[in-house]
C-alpha atoms as a PDB file:
ATOM      1  CA  MET A   1      15.275  13.766  -3.131  1.00  0.00           C
ATOM      2  CA  GLY A   2      14.888  10.441  -4.794  1.00  0.00           C
ATOM      3  CA  LYS A   3      17.454   8.113  -6.269  1.00  0.00           C
ATOM      4  CA  SER A   4      17.590   9.970  -9.587  1.00  0.00           C
ATOM      5  CA  SER A   5      18.079  13.305  -7.811  1.00  0.00           C
ATOM      6  CA  LEU A   6      20.925  11.786  -5.785  1.00  0.00           C
ATOM      7  CA  ILE A   7      22.623  10.595  -8.991  1.00  0.00           C
ATOM      8  CA  ASN A   8      22.253  14.078 -10.477  1.00  0.00           C
ATOM      9  CA  MET A   9      23.644  15.673  -7.310  1.00  0.00           C
ATOM     10  CA  ILE A  10      26.765  13.526  -7.024  1.00  0.00           C
ATOM     11  CA  SER A  11      27.454  13.663 -10.761  1.00  0.00           C
ATOM     12  CA  ASN A  12      26.961  17.458 -10.721  1.00  0.00           C
ATOM     13  CA  ARG A  13      24.681  17.132 -13.760  1.00  0.00           C
ATOM     14  CA  LYS A  14      21.074  18.253 -13.350  1.00  0.00           C
ATOM     15  CA  GLY A  15      19.458  16.254 -16.144  1.00  0.00           C
ATOM     16  CA  LEU A  16      21.552  13.090 -16.177  1.00  0.00           C
ATOM     17  CA  ALA A  17      18.918  10.963 -14.451  1.00  0.00           C
ATOM     18  CA  PHE A  18      15.253  11.783 -15.148  1.00  0.00           C
ATOM     19  CA  THR A  19      13.469  13.186 -12.096  1.00  0.00           C
ATOM     20  CA  SER A  20       9.818  13.860 -11.389  1.00  0.00           C
ATOM     21  CA  LYS A  21       7.739  15.337  -8.589  1.00  0.00           C
ATOM     22  CA  THR A  22       5.786  12.062  -8.576  1.00  0.00           C
ATOM     23  CA  PRO A  23       7.608   9.256  -6.726  1.00  0.00           C
ATOM     24  CA  GLY A  24       8.136   5.970  -8.516  1.00  0.00           C
ATOM     25  CA  LYS A  25       8.875   7.198 -12.042  1.00  0.00           C
ATOM     26  CA  THR A  26      11.917   4.933 -12.384  1.00  0.00           C
ATOM     27  CA  SER A  27      10.468   1.629 -13.546  1.00  0.00           C
ATOM     28  CA  GLU A  28      13.551  -0.147 -14.877  1.00  0.00           C
ATOM     29  CA  PHE A  29      17.258  -0.404 -14.131  1.00  0.00           C
ATOM     30  CA  ASN A  30      19.123   2.611 -15.535  1.00  0.00           C
ATOM     31  CA  TYR A  31      22.908   2.332 -15.792  1.00  0.00           C
ATOM     32  CA  PHE A  32      25.169   5.382 -15.759  1.00  0.00           C
ATOM     33  CA  ASP A  33      28.823   4.996 -16.733  1.00  0.00           C
ATOM     34  CA  ALA A  34      30.850   6.977 -14.202  1.00  0.00           C
ATOM     35  CA  SER A  35      34.540   7.397 -14.812  1.00  0.00           C
ATOM     36  CA  GLY A  36      37.120  10.074 -14.165  1.00  0.00           C
ATOM     37  CA  ILE A  37      40.186  11.188 -12.280  1.00  0.00           C
ATOM     38  CA  VAL A  38      39.485  11.479  -8.558  1.00  0.00           C
ATOM     39  CA  GLY A  39      41.293  12.639  -5.426  1.00  0.00           C
ATOM     40  CA  VAL A  40      44.656  14.184  -4.648  1.00  0.00           C
ATOM     41  CA  ASP A  41      46.439  11.142  -6.022  1.00  0.00           C
ATOM     42  CA  LYS A  42      44.598  11.641  -9.359  1.00  0.00           C
ATOM     43  CA  GLN A  43      43.649   7.987  -9.660  1.00  0.00           C
ATOM     44  CA  PRO A  44      41.354   6.937 -12.506  1.00  0.00           C
ATOM     45  CA  HIS A  45      38.086   5.367 -11.385  1.00  0.00           C
ATOM     46  CA  SER A  46      35.469   3.699 -13.525  1.00  0.00           C
ATOM     47  CA  PHE A  47      32.202   2.237 -12.312  1.00  0.00           C
ATOM     48  CA  TYR A  48      28.471   2.234 -12.932  1.00  0.00           C
ATOM     49  CA  LEU A  49      25.786   3.967 -10.935  1.00  0.00           C
ATOM     50  CA  VAL A  50      22.555   2.017 -11.218  1.00  0.00           C
ATOM     51  CA  ASP A  51      19.218   3.749 -10.643  1.00  0.00           C
ATOM     52  CA  LEU A  52      16.671   1.126  -9.602  1.00  0.00           C
ATOM     53  CA  PRO A  53      12.902   1.306  -9.205  1.00  0.00           C
ATOM     54  CA  GLY A  54      11.848   2.403  -5.744  1.00  0.00           C
ATOM     55  CA  VAL A  55       9.649   0.184  -3.627  1.00  0.00           C
ATOM     56  CA  GLY A  56       8.462   2.649  -0.983  1.00  0.00           C
ATOM     57  CA  PHE A  57       6.486   5.655  -2.171  1.00  0.00           C
ATOM     58  CA  ALA A  58       6.170   4.446  -5.768  1.00  0.00           C
ATOM     59  CA  ARG A  59       2.765   4.975  -7.357  1.00  0.00           C
ATOM     60  CA  ALA A  60       2.625   1.387  -8.552  1.00  0.00           C
ATOM     61  CA  SER A  61       0.590  -1.659  -7.700  1.00  0.00           C
ATOM     62  CA  ARG A  62       1.625  -3.843  -4.786  1.00  0.00           C
ATOM     63  CA  GLU A  63       2.328  -6.669  -7.251  1.00  0.00           C
ATOM     64  CA  LEU A  64       4.661  -4.474  -9.321  1.00  0.00           C
ATOM     65  CA  ARG A  65       6.483  -3.220  -6.211  1.00  0.00           C
ATOM     66  CA  LEU A  66       6.835  -6.824  -5.025  1.00  0.00           C
ATOM     67  CA  SER A  67       8.304  -7.810  -8.393  1.00  0.00           C
ATOM     68  CA  TRP A  68      10.805  -4.937  -8.062  1.00  0.00           C
ATOM     69  CA  THR A  69      11.805  -6.200  -4.608  1.00  0.00           C
ATOM     70  CA  THR A  70      12.304  -9.704  -6.021  1.00  0.00           C
ATOM     71  CA  LEU A  71      14.340  -8.289  -8.896  1.00  0.00           C
ATOM     72  CA  LEU A  72      16.423  -6.255  -6.437  1.00  0.00           C
ATOM     73  CA  SER A  73      17.023  -9.366  -4.334  1.00  0.00           C
ATOM     74  CA  ASP A  74      18.208 -11.304  -7.374  1.00  0.00           C
ATOM     75  CA  TYR A  75      20.367  -8.397  -8.488  1.00  0.00           C
ATOM     76  CA  ILE A  76      22.232  -7.968  -5.198  1.00  0.00           C
ATOM     77  CA  GLN A  77      22.801 -11.711  -4.806  1.00  0.00           C
ATOM     78  CA  HIS A  78      24.129 -12.355  -8.301  1.00  0.00           C
ATOM     79  CA  ARG A  79      25.955  -9.159  -9.213  1.00  0.00           C
ATOM     80  CA  ASP A  80      29.596 -10.001  -8.409  1.00  0.00           C
ATOM     81  CA  THR A  81      30.761  -6.471  -9.209  1.00  0.00           C
ATOM     82  CA  LEU A  82      28.338  -4.806  -6.790  1.00  0.00           C
ATOM     83  CA  ARG A  83      30.328  -2.799  -4.242  1.00  0.00           C
ATOM     84  CA  VAL A  84      27.867  -0.542  -2.413  1.00  0.00           C
ATOM     85  CA  VAL A  85      24.090  -0.331  -2.030  1.00  0.00           C
ATOM     86  CA  PHE A  86      22.526   3.004  -1.115  1.00  0.00           C
ATOM     87  CA  HIS A  87      19.131   2.652   0.534  1.00  0.00           C
ATOM     88  CA  LEU A  88      17.265   5.959   0.438  1.00  0.00           C
ATOM     89  CA  VAL A  89      14.868   6.736   3.276  1.00  0.00           C
ATOM     90  CA  ASP A  90      12.722   9.887   3.244  1.00  0.00           C
ATOM     91  CA  SER A  91      13.513  11.751   6.472  1.00  0.00           C
ATOM     92  CA  ARG A  92       9.965  13.134   6.578  1.00  0.00           C
ATOM     93  CA  HIS A  93       8.514   9.632   6.970  1.00  0.00           C
ATOM     94  CA  GLY A  94      11.243   7.396   8.388  1.00  0.00           C
ATOM     95  CA  LEU A  95      11.213   3.657   7.768  1.00  0.00           C
ATOM     96  CA  LEU A  96       8.223   2.370   5.837  1.00  0.00           C
ATOM     97  CA  ASP A  97       7.225  -1.291   5.484  1.00  0.00           C
ATOM     98  CA  ALA A  98       8.991  -1.373   2.105  1.00  0.00           C
ATOM     99  CA  ASP A  99      12.168  -0.069   3.770  1.00  0.00           C
ATOM    100  CA  GLU A 100      11.980  -2.894   6.307  1.00  0.00           C
ATOM    101  CA  GLU A 101      11.735  -5.343   3.383  1.00  0.00           C
ATOM    102  CA  CYS A 102      14.819  -3.790   1.825  1.00  0.00           C
ATOM    103  CA  LEU A 103      16.726  -4.062   5.110  1.00  0.00           C
ATOM    104  CA  SER A 104      15.995  -7.789   5.079  1.00  0.00           C
ATOM    105  CA  LEU A 105      18.202  -7.996   1.967  1.00  0.00           C
ATOM    106  CA  ILE A 106      21.337  -6.995   3.919  1.00  0.00           C
ATOM    107  CA  PRO A 107      22.209 -10.582   4.939  1.00  0.00           C
ATOM    108  CA  LEU A 108      22.096 -11.558   1.242  1.00  0.00           C
ATOM    109  CA  LEU A 109      24.910  -9.151   0.341  1.00  0.00           C
ATOM    110  CA  SER A 110      28.419 -10.430  -0.167  1.00  0.00           C
ATOM    111  CA  PRO A 111      30.868  -9.465   2.592  1.00  0.00           C
ATOM    112  CA  THR A 112      32.573  -7.073   0.146  1.00  0.00           C
ATOM    113  CA  THR A 113      29.378  -5.112  -0.589  1.00  0.00           C
ATOM    114  CA  LYS A 114      28.722  -2.140   1.653  1.00  0.00           C
ATOM    115  CA  TYR A 115      25.205  -1.043   2.650  1.00  0.00           C
ATOM    116  CA  VAL A 116      24.595   2.655   3.302  1.00  0.00           C
ATOM    117  CA  ILE A 117      21.387   4.376   4.424  1.00  0.00           C
ATOM    118  CA  VAL A 118      20.805   7.794   2.845  1.00  0.00           C
ATOM    119  CA  LEU A 119      18.299   9.968   4.723  1.00  0.00           C
ATOM    120  CA  THR A 120      16.856  12.326   2.117  1.00  0.00           C
ATOM    121  CA  LYS A 121      15.078  15.678   2.260  1.00  0.00           C
ATOM    122  CA  VAL A 122      16.502  16.681   5.626  1.00  0.00           C
ATOM    123  CA  ASP A 123      16.024  20.333   4.649  1.00  0.00           C
ATOM    124  CA  LYS A 124      12.229  20.043   4.273  1.00  0.00           C
ATOM    125  CA  GLN A 125      11.433  20.535   7.975  1.00  0.00           C
ATOM    126  CA  LYS A 126      11.095  24.206   8.945  1.00  0.00           C
ATOM    127  CA  ASN A 127      11.484  23.939  12.731  1.00  0.00           C
ATOM    128  CA  LEU A 128      15.113  23.016  13.463  1.00  0.00           C
ATOM    129  CA  GLU A 129      14.410  21.647  16.970  1.00  0.00           C
ATOM    130  CA  LYS A 130      11.552  19.512  15.653  1.00  0.00           C
ATOM    131  CA  LEU A 131      13.797  18.309  12.817  1.00  0.00           C
ATOM    132  CA  ASN A 132      16.603  17.309  15.198  1.00  0.00           C
ATOM    133  CA  ASN A 133      14.214  15.373  17.464  1.00  0.00           C
ATOM    134  CA  LYS A 134      12.586  13.646  14.494  1.00  0.00           C
ATOM    135  CA  LEU A 135      15.928  12.754  12.877  1.00  0.00           C
ATOM    136  CA  GLU A 136      17.241  11.414  16.180  1.00  0.00           C
ATOM    137  CA  SER A 137      14.176   9.181  16.490  1.00  0.00           C
ATOM    138  CA  ILE A 138      14.379   7.998  12.853  1.00  0.00           C
ATOM    139  CA  ILE A 139      18.101   7.267  13.081  1.00  0.00           C
ATOM    140  CA  ASP A 140      17.587   5.333  16.327  1.00  0.00           C
ATOM    141  CA  ARG A 141      14.824   3.266  14.709  1.00  0.00           C
ATOM    142  CA  ILE A 142      17.013   2.565  11.662  1.00  0.00           C
ATOM    143  CA  TYR A 143      19.903   1.382  13.818  1.00  0.00           C
ATOM    144  CA  ARG A 144      17.568  -0.906  15.784  1.00  0.00           C
ATOM    145  CA  ALA A 145      16.080  -2.339  12.562  1.00  0.00           C
ATOM    146  CA  VAL A 146      19.536  -2.879  11.045  1.00  0.00           C
ATOM    147  CA  ALA A 147      20.759  -4.597  14.227  1.00  0.00           C
ATOM    148  CA  LYS A 148      17.962  -7.178  13.813  1.00  0.00           C
ATOM    149  CA  MET A 149      19.303  -8.032  10.342  1.00  0.00           C
ATOM    150  CA  THR A 150      23.069  -7.886  10.638  1.00  0.00           C
ATOM    151  CA  SER A 151      26.083  -7.081  12.750  1.00  0.00           C
ATOM    152  CA  ARG A 152      27.502  -4.991   9.884  1.00  0.00           C
ATOM    153  CA  VAL A 153      28.236  -1.332  10.402  1.00  0.00           C
ATOM    154  CA  VAL A 154      25.714   0.552   8.267  1.00  0.00           C
ATOM    155  CA  PRO A 155      26.485   4.254   7.909  1.00  0.00           C
ATOM    156  CA  ILE A 156      23.688   6.814   7.681  1.00  0.00           C
ATOM    157  CA  ILE A 157      24.213   9.914   5.529  1.00  0.00           C
ATOM    158  CA  LEU A 158      21.920  12.950   5.789  1.00  0.00           C
ATOM    159  CA  THR A 159      21.233  14.519   2.383  1.00  0.00           C
ATOM    160  CA  SER A 160      19.408  17.305   0.583  1.00  0.00           C
ATOM    161  CA  SER A 161      19.436  17.794  -3.176  1.00  0.00           C
ATOM    162  CA  ASP A 162      18.501  21.474  -2.709  1.00  0.00           C
ATOM    163  CA  THR A 163      21.448  22.340  -0.443  1.00  0.00           C
ATOM    164  CA  ARG A 164      23.706  19.509  -1.716  1.00  0.00           C
ATOM    165  CA  LEU A 165      24.154  18.363   1.902  1.00  0.00           C
ATOM    166  CA  GLY A 166      25.728  14.908   2.053  1.00  0.00           C
ATOM    167  CA  GLY A 167      26.774  14.759  -1.599  1.00  0.00           C
ATOM    168  CA  THR A 168      30.467  14.620  -0.757  1.00  0.00           C
ATOM    169  CA  SER A 169      29.872  11.874   1.820  1.00  0.00           C
ATOM    170  CA  VAL A 170      27.961   9.764  -0.714  1.00  0.00           C
ATOM    171  CA  LEU A 171      30.708  10.278  -3.284  1.00  0.00           C
ATOM    172  CA  CYS A 172      33.361   9.303  -0.714  1.00  0.00           C
ATOM    173  CA  GLU A 173      31.487   6.053   0.006  1.00  0.00           C
ATOM    174  CA  ILE A 174      31.457   5.291  -3.723  1.00  0.00           C
ATOM    175  CA  ILE A 175      35.146   6.060  -4.226  1.00  0.00           C
ATOM    176  CA  GLU A 176      36.093   4.012  -1.163  1.00  0.00           C
ATOM    177  CA  ALA A 177      34.007   1.089  -2.457  1.00  0.00           C
ATOM    178  CA  VAL A 178      35.487   1.081  -5.966  1.00  0.00           C
ATOM    179  CA  HIS A 179      39.051   1.892  -4.963  1.00  0.00           C
END
């Protein structure tokens, strides 16, 4: 699952954000107006989901990926309304160099902006014991990498667009951030 698939999953709309089997199809910032009545208290919420270009597995030149990282850095530093950043990490690969670069942006966030790691594609491993060991190792490495950057608490959410695992947790993080 990529960023676009995550947006489709939490919005419960398959074709809202364009998805592709080839990573890196999102090449510009795509804004999605999200508003509605949420929760038992039926409170109205209105916010934007922003689908950004990926910097990890994107089939793009190093220069283009670097420009996306620079753009992302500028965006998170100067977007006063930014409330939560979701950093997607493919559970089949763990942290890549590009993910480490993204983690270095955490100290640039305002104190009111939350940073959440979303481990994607957790359903793609067939052997459950192997999956658990691998996830444990990846999560441990993420926590160690985050600890080098910040003392913030950074939650990790396990997700799958096929089984919809983690969708509610992602949505709860959004609602908590915009509430």
